[in-house]
């Protein structure tokens, strides 16, 4: 998926989940991203986000997902550069 946009960047897609009231994000990266970022993949980024902001999720090097509260999502938007 991320090869369609910019393979050098990580891709976050998602939106509000009505049933739970959380923000559901799908996160993707390319193999090229892994090569340029010391093999730090989506799973490690999700772990860091959960540690810093809370949330529930997981994945593997190339893809994963996380659910965040609205306040945590707003913090993620402000702190994204330090968390990825």
Protein backbone atom coordinates (compact mmCIF):
# COMPACT_ATOMS: atom_id res chain seq x y z
CA UNK A 1 0.00 0.00 0.00
CA UNK A 2 2.64 2.55 0.97
CA UNK A 3 4.47 2.07 -2.33
CA UNK A 4 1.59 4.02 -3.93
CA UNK A 5 2.33 7.14 -1.89
CA UNK A 6 5.87 7.59 -0.59
CA UNK A 7 7.80 4.41 0.23
CA UNK A 8 10.22 6.44 2.37
CA UNK A 9 7.51 7.40 4.86
CA UNK A 10 5.19 5.59 7.19
CA UNK A 11 1.48 5.76 6.41
CA UNK A 12 -1.27 6.28 9.01
CA UNK A 13 -4.90 5.79 7.88
CA UNK A 14 -8.00 5.72 9.99
CA UNK A 15 -10.77 7.54 11.72
CA UNK A 16 -13.35 7.42 14.48
CA UNK A 17 -14.93 4.14 15.44
CA UNK A 18 -18.50 4.94 16.45
CA UNK A 19 -19.16 1.85 18.54
CA UNK A 20 -16.19 2.30 20.90
CA UNK A 21 -15.72 6.06 20.62
CA UNK A 22 -12.03 5.57 19.87
CA UNK A 23 -9.86 6.46 16.92
CA UNK A 24 -8.84 3.39 14.93
CA UNK A 25 -5.62 3.68 12.91
CA UNK A 26 -4.07 1.36 10.39
CA UNK A 27 -0.33 1.89 10.01
CA UNK A 28 1.76 0.73 7.05
CA UNK A 29 5.33 1.05 5.84
CA UNK A 30 7.36 -0.31 2.96
CA UNK A 31 10.50 -2.42 2.93
CA UNK A 32 12.29 0.68 1.66
CA UNK A 33 11.20 2.52 4.82
CA UNK A 34 12.61 -0.31 6.94
CA UNK A 35 15.93 -0.15 5.09
CA UNK A 36 16.22 3.60 5.67
CA UNK A 37 15.17 3.44 9.34
CA UNK A 38 17.35 0.68 10.80
CA UNK A 39 14.56 -1.92 10.40
CA UNK A 40 12.35 -0.10 12.92
CA UNK A 41 8.95 -1.30 11.83
CA UNK A 42 5.32 -0.62 12.53
CA UNK A 43 5.24 -3.03 15.48
CA UNK A 44 7.95 -1.06 17.30
CA UNK A 45 6.25 2.25 16.54
CA UNK A 46 2.93 0.95 17.88
CA UNK A 47 4.67 -0.28 21.03
CA UNK A 48 6.20 3.17 21.55
CA UNK A 49 2.86 4.93 20.98
CA UNK A 50 1.13 2.60 23.47
CA UNK A 51 3.84 3.22 26.05
CA UNK A 52 3.64 7.00 25.65
CA UNK A 53 -0.07 7.55 24.95
CA UNK A 54 -1.91 4.36 25.83
CA UNK A 55 -4.11 2.52 23.41
CA UNK A 56 -4.55 -1.04 22.22
CA UNK A 57 -2.98 -2.58 19.15
CA UNK A 58 -0.17 -4.47 17.54
CA UNK A 59 1.23 -5.70 14.30
CA UNK A 60 4.41 -6.70 12.53
CA UNK A 61 7.21 -4.83 10.76
CA UNK A 62 5.20 -3.76 7.71
CA UNK A 63 1.68 -3.31 9.07
CA UNK A 64 -0.38 -2.96 12.20
CA UNK A 65 -3.17 -1.14 13.90
CA UNK A 66 -3.96 0.77 17.07
CA UNK A 67 -7.03 2.18 18.80
CA UNK A 68 -6.56 5.40 20.74
CA UNK A 69 -8.79 7.60 22.84
CA UNK A 70 -9.56 10.96 21.24
CA UNK A 71 -7.24 12.83 23.65
CA UNK A 72 -4.42 10.36 22.92
CA UNK A 73 -5.01 10.72 19.19
CA UNK A 74 -4.76 14.50 19.50
CA UNK A 75 -1.46 14.09 21.36
CA UNK A 76 -0.23 11.71 18.67
CA UNK A 77 -0.89 14.34 16.02
CA UNK A 78 1.18 16.86 17.99
CA UNK A 79 4.03 14.46 18.82
CA UNK A 80 4.12 12.27 15.71
CA UNK A 81 7.65 13.24 14.70
CA UNK A 82 9.13 12.17 18.03
CA UNK A 83 7.15 8.92 18.11
CA UNK A 84 8.09 7.55 14.69
